[in-house]
Amino acid sequence: MIRYLLLAFALSFLSCKTTTYYISRHAEKSGNTMSNDPPLTPLGQKQAMDLQAYLANKKIGAIYSTNFLRTRATAQPTSEFYHLAISLYNASQSAGLVDSLKAHNKRNVLIVGHSNTVDDMLNEFIGNHVADDLPDAEYGSLFIVKKKSGSYSFRKIAVPRVTP
């Protein structure tokens, strides 16, 4: 009887596990370049450090980014802090990434995308249209998606600025 009670408790505990997905648009990119892959501005580099500082106690277990300088540079401080490799994903296949994370992930995750993909991932996690493309000038917003017992909720915050 005690075994069954312990098993029931363990299953109940595991089903209450919360996984958190932190979805961020890349930090501020340089606008004075002819490149399709511009780097971050100095302010963007500070924004990436602010994101890392915010995530420092969030137990990040995986980091995903598109293969652009600005997204990888946004994820890099967090990658270095947690000693995690940045896994690359194709922005046009972000729904597949979300489906994969929903099905298998048990760790908190940082996902860095773009103004026109962050909303798609958020909508895919929630299962409903809750957001549109971000304005081109919007940097520093973070969508926090929580998965608990198979249901998803989210909130949007501005990443606190801590970098001088």
Protein backbone atom coordinates (compact mmCIF):
# COMPACT_ATOMS: atom_id res chain seq x y z
CA MET A 1 0.00 0.00 0.00
CA ILE A 2 2.80 2.40 0.87
CA ARG A 3 4.40 1.73 -2.53
CA TYR A 4 1.21 2.77 -4.30
CA LEU A 5 0.96 5.92 -2.24
CA LEU A 6 4.59 6.81 -3.01
CA LEU A 7 4.04 6.09 -6.71
CA ALA A 8 0.89 8.24 -6.74
CA PHE A 9 2.76 11.04 -4.98
CA ALA A 10 5.69 10.82 -7.42
CA LEU A 11 3.37 10.89 -10.45
CA SER A 12 1.45 13.80 -9.01
CA PHE A 13 4.69 15.68 -8.33
CA LEU A 14 6.01 15.07 -11.83
CA SER A 15 2.77 16.17 -13.46
CA CYS A 16 2.99 19.47 -11.58
CA LYS A 17 6.47 20.21 -12.95
CA THR A 18 6.57 23.61 -14.54
CA THR A 19 8.67 24.21 -17.63
CA THR A 20 9.29 27.81 -18.60
CA TYR A 21 10.10 29.02 -22.09
CA TYR A 22 11.66 32.49 -22.34
CA ILE A 23 11.07 33.84 -25.84
CA SER A 24 13.00 36.95 -26.80
CA ARG A 25 13.46 38.96 -29.92
CA HIS A 26 17.12 39.67 -30.64
CA ALA A 27 18.59 42.79 -29.08
CA GLU A 28 18.96 46.07 -30.97
CA LYS A 29 20.67 45.56 -34.32
CA SER A 30 22.79 47.97 -36.28
CA GLY A 31 20.79 49.88 -38.88
CA ASN A 32 23.77 51.40 -40.67
CA THR A 33 24.80 48.39 -42.68
CA MET A 34 24.04 47.01 -46.10
CA SER A 35 24.13 43.48 -44.71
CA ASN A 36 21.15 41.15 -44.27
CA ASP A 37 22.92 39.96 -41.14
CA PRO A 38 23.80 43.06 -39.12
CA PRO A 39 25.52 42.85 -35.72
CA LEU A 40 24.17 44.24 -32.47
CA THR A 41 24.67 47.88 -31.59
CA PRO A 42 26.52 48.72 -28.35
CA LEU A 43 23.09 49.19 -26.76
CA GLY A 44 22.07 45.79 -28.14
CA GLN A 45 25.12 44.22 -26.52
CA LYS A 46 24.02 45.72 -23.19
CA GLN A 47 20.49 44.40 -23.76
CA ALA A 48 21.93 40.91 -24.28
CA MET A 49 23.79 41.24 -20.98
CA ASP A 50 20.60 42.44 -19.27
CA LEU A 51 18.78 39.36 -20.60
CA GLN A 52 21.52 37.13 -19.19
CA ALA A 53 21.33 38.90 -15.82
CA TYR A 54 17.55 38.41 -15.70
CA LEU A 55 17.91 34.71 -16.59
CA ALA A 56 20.79 34.08 -14.16
CA ASN A 57 18.57 32.37 -11.58
CA LYS A 58 16.07 30.78 -13.99
CA LYS A 59 17.82 27.40 -14.37
CA ILE A 60 18.07 27.54 -18.14
CA GLY A 61 18.78 24.08 -19.57
CA ALA A 62 18.71 24.78 -23.31
CA ILE A 63 19.18 27.75 -25.63
CA TYR A 64 17.86 28.09 -29.19
CA SER A 65 18.63 30.79 -31.73
CA THR A 66 18.31 31.37 -35.44
CA ASN A 67 21.59 31.43 -37.33
CA PHE A 68 21.98 35.22 -37.54
CA LEU A 69 24.64 37.36 -35.88
CA ARG A 70 22.08 39.40 -33.93
CA THR A 71 20.21 36.39 -32.50
CA ARG A 72 23.33 34.42 -31.64
CA ALA A 73 24.90 37.54 -30.04
CA THR A 74 21.74 38.04 -27.98
CA ALA A 75 21.88 34.44 -26.72
CA GLN A 76 25.67 34.36 -26.23
CA PRO A 77 25.92 35.89 -22.72
CA THR A 78 23.32 33.44 -21.40
CA SER A 79 25.06 30.58 -23.22
CA GLU A 80 28.36 31.48 -21.56
CA PHE A 81 26.77 31.95 -18.13
CA TYR A 82 25.14 28.49 -18.19
CA HIS A 83 27.95 26.81 -20.19
CA LEU A 84 25.41 25.69 -22.79
CA ALA A 85 25.79 25.45 -26.55
CA ILE A 86 23.36 27.45 -28.63
CA SER A 87 21.19 25.13 -30.72
CA LEU A 88 20.33 26.66 -34.07
CA TYR A 89 16.87 26.47 -35.62
CA ASN A 90 15.40 27.66 -38.90
CA ALA A 91 13.09 30.65 -38.34
CA SER A 92 10.74 29.41 -41.06
CA GLN A 93 10.32 26.17 -39.10
CA SER A 94 9.73 27.66 -35.65
CA ALA A 95 6.43 25.77 -35.29
CA GLY A 96 8.40 22.51 -35.52
CA LEU A 97 10.76 23.70 -32.80
CA VAL A 98 7.83 24.58 -30.55
CA ASP A 99 6.16 21.21 -31.19
CA SER A 100 9.42 19.45 -30.34
CA LEU A 101 9.87 21.46 -27.13
CA LYS A 102 6.26 20.89 -26.09
CA ALA A 103 6.61 17.15 -26.59
CA HIS A 104 9.97 16.49 -25.01
CA ASN A 105 11.35 19.33 -22.95
CA LYS A 106 11.53 19.24 -19.17
CA ARG A 107 14.05 22.07 -18.80
CA ASN A 108 13.66 25.83 -18.87
CA VAL A 109 14.54 27.20 -22.28
CA LEU A 110 15.65 30.46 -23.87
CA ILE A 111 14.55 30.97 -27.49
CA VAL A 112 15.83 33.97 -29.43
CA GLY A 113 14.02 34.97 -32.61
CA HIS A 114 12.87 37.92 -34.67
CA SER A 115 10.10 40.52 -34.66
CA ASN A 116 8.07 38.36 -37.06
CA THR A 117 8.74 34.97 -35.42
CA VAL A 118 8.44 35.60 -31.68
CA ASP A 119 4.67 36.00 -32.01
CA ASP A 120 4.39 32.84 -34.12
CA MET A 121 6.16 30.80 -31.43
CA LEU A 122 4.07 32.34 -28.67
CA ASN A 123 0.85 31.61 -30.56
CA GLU A 124 2.02 28.04 -31.19
CA PHE A 125 2.77 27.43 -27.50
CA ILE A 126 -0.54 28.91 -26.35
CA GLY A 127 -2.56 27.25 -29.11
CA ASN A 128 -4.40 30.46 -29.91
CA HIS A 129 -3.70 33.81 -31.57
CA VAL A 130 -2.52 35.98 -28.68
CA ALA A 131 0.15 38.14 -30.35
CA ASP A 132 1.07 39.82 -33.63
CA ASP A 133 4.46 40.71 -35.12
CA LEU A 134 6.47 42.97 -32.85
CA PRO A 135 7.09 46.54 -33.98
CA ASP A 136 10.46 46.88 -35.68
CA ALA A 137 11.73 49.25 -32.98
CA GLU A 138 10.69 47.01 -30.04
CA TYR A 139 13.64 45.49 -28.24
CA GLY A 140 13.92 44.22 -24.69
CA SER A 141 10.54 42.49 -24.41
CA LEU A 142 10.47 38.96 -23.09
CA PHE A 143 7.58 36.53 -23.36
CA ILE A 144 7.50 34.05 -20.51
CA VAL A 145 5.51 30.92 -21.34
CA LYS A 146 4.83 28.48 -18.52
CA LYS A 147 3.80 24.88 -19.08
CA LYS A 148 2.18 23.20 -16.12
CA SER A 149 0.21 19.97 -16.27
CA GLY A 150 -0.06 20.26 -20.05
CA SER A 151 -1.54 23.75 -20.15
CA TYR A 152 0.24 26.94 -21.15
CA SER A 153 0.06 30.50 -19.91
CA PHE A 154 2.18 33.53 -20.71
CA ARG A 155 3.08 37.02 -19.72
CA LYS A 156 5.14 39.73 -21.35
CA ILE A 157 7.72 41.75 -19.46
CA ALA A 158 10.37 44.31 -20.23
CA VAL A 159 13.78 42.89 -19.34
CA PRO A 160 15.12 44.95 -16.43
CA ARG A 161 18.10 47.09 -17.38
CA VAL A 162 21.08 46.43 -15.17
CA THR A 163 24.04 46.96 -17.51
CA PRO A 164 25.55 50.48 -17.23
